[in-house]
Amino acid sequence: MSGATCPCGSGRKLETCCGTFHAGEIAPDAERLMRSRYSAYVLGLETYLLATWHPATRPAAIGLDATPRPHWLGLAV
């Protein structure tokens, strides 16, 4: 996925955008957290999504491996 454009719509490369949060950096604000979570849905990163979900409402699993898999169209902020 190296060199790929980030799915969040920022126009930046994934590894310098949401990829940093997926790798463990804490999102500094709500917008970047929302963008990183959207990107995680697109990329199928269930572990990241569950880790960034409030424990009071977090499900045991999200089911991103469902067939057919959802096709994400974009994020408007």
N, C-alpha and C. Protein backbone atom coordinates (compact mmCIF):
# COMPACT_ATOMS: atom_id res chain seq x y z
N MET A 1 0.83 -1.20 0.00
CA MET A 1 0.00 0.00 0.00
C MET A 1 0.87 1.25 0.00
N SER A 2 2.17 1.07 -0.04
CA SER A 2 3.09 2.20 -0.02
C SER A 2 2.83 3.11 -1.21
N GLY A 3 2.75 4.41 -0.95
CA GLY A 3 2.52 5.38 -1.99
C GLY A 3 1.05 5.61 -2.32
N ALA A 4 0.16 4.83 -1.73
CA ALA A 4 -1.27 4.97 -2.01
C ALA A 4 -1.81 6.25 -1.39
N THR A 5 -2.78 6.85 -2.05
CA THR A 5 -3.44 8.03 -1.51
C THR A 5 -4.37 7.61 -0.37
N CYS A 6 -4.38 8.39 0.69
CA CYS A 6 -5.20 8.06 1.86
C CYS A 6 -6.69 8.11 1.49
N PRO A 7 -7.45 7.11 1.91
CA PRO A 7 -8.89 7.09 1.61
C PRO A 7 -9.69 8.20 2.28
N CYS A 8 -9.11 8.90 3.26
CA CYS A 8 -9.86 9.91 4.01
C CYS A 8 -10.20 11.15 3.19
N GLY A 9 -9.58 11.30 2.03
CA GLY A 9 -9.89 12.44 1.17
C GLY A 9 -8.98 13.63 1.35
N SER A 10 -7.93 13.51 2.16
CA SER A 10 -7.02 14.63 2.40
C SER A 10 -6.14 14.93 1.20
N GLY A 11 -5.96 13.94 0.32
CA GLY A 11 -5.07 14.09 -0.82
C GLY A 11 -3.64 13.71 -0.49
N ARG A 12 -3.36 13.39 0.76
CA ARG A 12 -2.01 13.01 1.19
C ARG A 12 -1.81 11.51 1.02
N LYS A 13 -0.57 11.10 1.09
CA LYS A 13 -0.24 9.68 1.03
C LYS A 13 -0.65 9.01 2.33
N LEU A 14 -1.13 7.79 2.24
CA LEU A 14 -1.62 7.04 3.40
C LEU A 14 -0.58 6.99 4.52
N GLU A 15 0.68 6.72 4.17
CA GLU A 15 1.69 6.55 5.21
C GLU A 15 2.02 7.84 5.96
N THR A 16 1.68 8.99 5.41
CA THR A 16 1.92 10.26 6.11
C THR A 16 0.62 10.90 6.58
N CYS A 17 -0.47 10.18 6.43
CA CYS A 17 -1.78 10.69 6.84
C CYS A 17 -2.36 9.72 7.87
N CYS A 18 -3.44 9.08 7.58
CA CYS A 18 -4.10 8.18 8.53
C CYS A 18 -3.28 6.95 8.87
N GLY A 19 -2.37 6.58 8.00
CA GLY A 19 -1.51 5.43 8.27
C GLY A 19 -0.71 5.59 9.54
N THR A 20 -0.36 6.83 9.89
CA THR A 20 0.39 7.06 11.14
C THR A 20 -0.46 6.71 12.35
N PHE A 21 -1.75 6.97 12.28
CA PHE A 21 -2.65 6.64 13.38
C PHE A 21 -2.92 5.14 13.43
N HIS A 22 -3.05 4.53 12.26
CA HIS A 22 -3.24 3.08 12.20
C HIS A 22 -2.02 2.36 12.78
N ALA A 23 -0.86 2.99 12.70
CA ALA A 23 0.38 2.40 13.21
C ALA A 23 0.59 2.66 14.70
N GLY A 24 -0.29 3.46 15.32
CA GLY A 24 -0.18 3.64 16.77
C GLY A 24 -0.13 5.06 17.28
N GLU A 25 0.12 6.03 16.40
CA GLU A 25 0.11 7.43 16.85
C GLU A 25 -1.32 7.81 17.23
N ILE A 26 -1.46 8.62 18.27
CA ILE A 26 -2.79 9.05 18.72
C ILE A 26 -3.27 10.21 17.85
N ALA A 27 -4.48 10.13 17.36
CA ALA A 27 -5.07 11.22 16.57
C ALA A 27 -5.21 12.45 17.46
N PRO A 28 -4.72 13.61 17.01
CA PRO A 28 -4.70 14.80 17.86
C PRO A 28 -6.04 15.51 18.02
N ASP A 29 -7.01 15.21 17.17
CA ASP A 29 -8.30 15.88 17.28
C ASP A 29 -9.39 14.99 16.69
N ALA A 30 -10.63 15.40 16.92
CA ALA A 30 -11.78 14.59 16.51
C ALA A 30 -11.84 14.39 15.00
N GLU A 31 -11.51 15.42 14.23
CA GLU A 31 -11.59 15.27 12.77
C GLU A 31 -10.60 14.23 12.28
N ARG A 32 -9.38 14.26 12.77
CA ARG A 32 -8.40 13.28 12.30
C ARG A 32 -8.75 11.86 12.79
N LEU A 33 -9.34 11.77 13.97
CA LEU A 33 -9.79 10.45 14.43
C LEU A 33 -10.90 9.93 13.51
N MET A 34 -11.85 10.80 13.16
CA MET A 34 -12.94 10.40 12.27
C MET A 34 -12.39 9.99 10.91
N ARG A 35 -11.45 10.77 10.37
CA ARG A 35 -10.86 10.43 9.07
C ARG A 35 -10.12 9.09 9.14
N SER A 36 -9.37 8.90 10.23
CA SER A 36 -8.60 7.65 10.36
C SER A 36 -9.53 6.45 10.51
N ARG A 37 -10.65 6.63 11.19
CA ARG A 37 -11.61 5.53 11.32
C ARG A 37 -12.28 5.23 9.98
N TYR A 38 -12.62 6.27 9.22
CA TYR A 38 -13.18 6.04 7.88
C TYR A 38 -12.17 5.25 7.04
N SER A 39 -10.91 5.69 7.05
CA SER A 39 -9.88 5.00 6.29
C SER A 39 -9.74 3.55 6.74
N ALA A 40 -9.85 3.32 8.04
CA ALA A 40 -9.76 1.96 8.57
C ALA A 40 -10.91 1.09 8.05
N TYR A 41 -12.10 1.66 7.94
CA TYR A 41 -13.22 0.91 7.35
C TYR A 41 -12.91 0.54 5.90
N VAL A 42 -12.42 1.51 5.14
CA VAL A 42 -12.09 1.26 3.73
C VAL A 42 -11.03 0.17 3.60
N LEU A 43 -10.03 0.21 4.49
CA LEU A 43 -8.90 -0.71 4.42
C LEU A 43 -9.14 -2.03 5.16
N GLY A 44 -10.27 -2.13 5.86
CA GLY A 44 -10.59 -3.35 6.58
C GLY A 44 -9.79 -3.56 7.85
N LEU A 45 -9.44 -2.48 8.54
CA LEU A 45 -8.62 -2.55 9.75
C LEU A 45 -9.49 -2.65 11.00
N GLU A 46 -10.08 -3.81 11.20
CA GLU A 46 -11.01 -4.01 12.30
C GLU A 46 -10.35 -3.78 13.67
N THR A 47 -9.10 -4.20 13.83
CA THR A 47 -8.40 -4.03 15.11
C THR A 47 -8.32 -2.55 15.49
N TYR A 48 -7.99 -1.69 14.52
CA TYR A 48 -7.91 -0.25 14.79
C TYR A 48 -9.28 0.30 15.14
N LEU A 49 -10.28 -0.10 14.40
CA LEU A 49 -11.64 0.40 14.67
C LEU A 49 -12.09 0.03 16.07
N LEU A 50 -11.87 -1.20 16.47
CA LEU A 50 -12.28 -1.62 17.81
C LEU A 50 -11.46 -0.91 18.89
N ALA A 51 -10.18 -0.67 18.63
CA ALA A 51 -9.33 0.02 19.60
C ALA A 51 -9.73 1.47 19.80
N THR A 52 -10.36 2.07 18.80
CA THR A 52 -10.74 3.48 18.88
C THR A 52 -12.24 3.66 19.13
N TRP A 53 -12.89 2.61 19.55
CA TRP A 53 -14.33 2.61 19.84
C TRP A 53 -14.50 2.66 21.34
N HIS A 54 -15.40 3.47 21.85
CA HIS A 54 -15.61 3.57 23.29
C HIS A 54 -16.04 2.22 23.84
N PRO A 55 -15.41 1.77 24.93
CA PRO A 55 -15.72 0.44 25.47
C PRO A 55 -17.20 0.22 25.83
N ALA A 56 -17.89 1.27 26.19
CA ALA A 56 -19.30 1.12 26.59
C ALA A 56 -20.20 0.69 25.44
N THR A 57 -19.81 1.00 24.21
CA THR A 57 -20.64 0.67 23.05
C THR A 57 -19.93 -0.22 22.04
N ARG A 58 -18.69 -0.60 22.31
CA ARG A 58 -17.89 -1.37 21.36
C ARG A 58 -18.41 -2.80 21.24
N PRO A 59 -18.65 -3.25 20.02
CA PRO A 59 -19.06 -4.65 19.82
C PRO A 59 -17.84 -5.57 19.91
N ALA A 60 -18.07 -6.85 20.01
CA ALA A 60 -16.96 -7.81 20.04
C ALA A 60 -16.27 -7.89 18.68
N ALA A 61 -17.03 -7.71 17.63
CA ALA A 61 -16.50 -7.75 16.26
C ALA A 61 -17.38 -6.86 15.39
N ILE A 62 -16.81 -6.41 14.29
CA ILE A 62 -17.55 -5.52 13.38
C ILE A 62 -18.09 -6.29 12.18
N GLY A 63 -17.40 -7.30 11.74
CA GLY A 63 -17.85 -8.08 10.60
C GLY A 63 -17.43 -7.49 9.27
N LEU A 64 -16.22 -6.95 9.21
CA LEU A 64 -15.74 -6.37 7.96
C LEU A 64 -15.45 -7.42 6.89
N ASP A 65 -15.47 -8.68 7.29
CA ASP A 65 -15.22 -9.75 6.33
C ASP A 65 -16.51 -10.27 5.70
N ALA A 66 -17.59 -9.53 5.89
CA ALA A 66 -18.88 -9.92 5.32
C ALA A 66 -18.80 -9.96 3.79
N THR A 67 -19.63 -10.81 3.21
CA THR A 67 -19.68 -10.90 1.76
C THR A 67 -21.09 -10.57 1.31
N PRO A 68 -21.30 -9.67 0.41
CA PRO A 68 -20.27 -8.85 -0.21
C PRO A 68 -19.78 -7.77 0.76
N ARG A 69 -18.55 -7.38 0.59
CA ARG A 69 -17.95 -6.36 1.43
C ARG A 69 -18.49 -4.99 1.02
N PRO A 70 -18.75 -4.11 2.00
CA PRO A 70 -19.25 -2.78 1.66
C PRO A 70 -18.27 -2.03 0.76
N HIS A 71 -18.79 -1.22 -0.13
CA HIS A 71 -17.97 -0.39 -1.00
C HIS A 71 -18.12 1.05 -0.54
N TRP A 72 -17.08 1.62 0.03
CA TRP A 72 -17.12 2.97 0.58
C TRP A 72 -16.89 3.97 -0.55
N LEU A 73 -17.73 4.98 -0.63
CA LEU A 73 -17.68 5.94 -1.73
C LEU A 73 -16.85 7.17 -1.43
N GLY A 74 -16.80 7.60 -0.19
CA GLY A 74 -16.02 8.79 0.16
C GLY A 74 -16.47 9.36 1.48
N LEU A 75 -15.70 10.32 1.95
CA LEU A 75 -15.97 10.99 3.22
C LEU A 75 -16.07 12.48 2.96
N ALA A 76 -17.17 13.09 3.38
CA ALA A 76 -17.33 14.54 3.26
C ALA A 76 -17.28 15.13 4.66
N VAL A 77 -16.34 16.05 4.87
CA VAL A 77 -16.17 16.69 6.17
C VAL A 77 -16.47 18.16 6.04
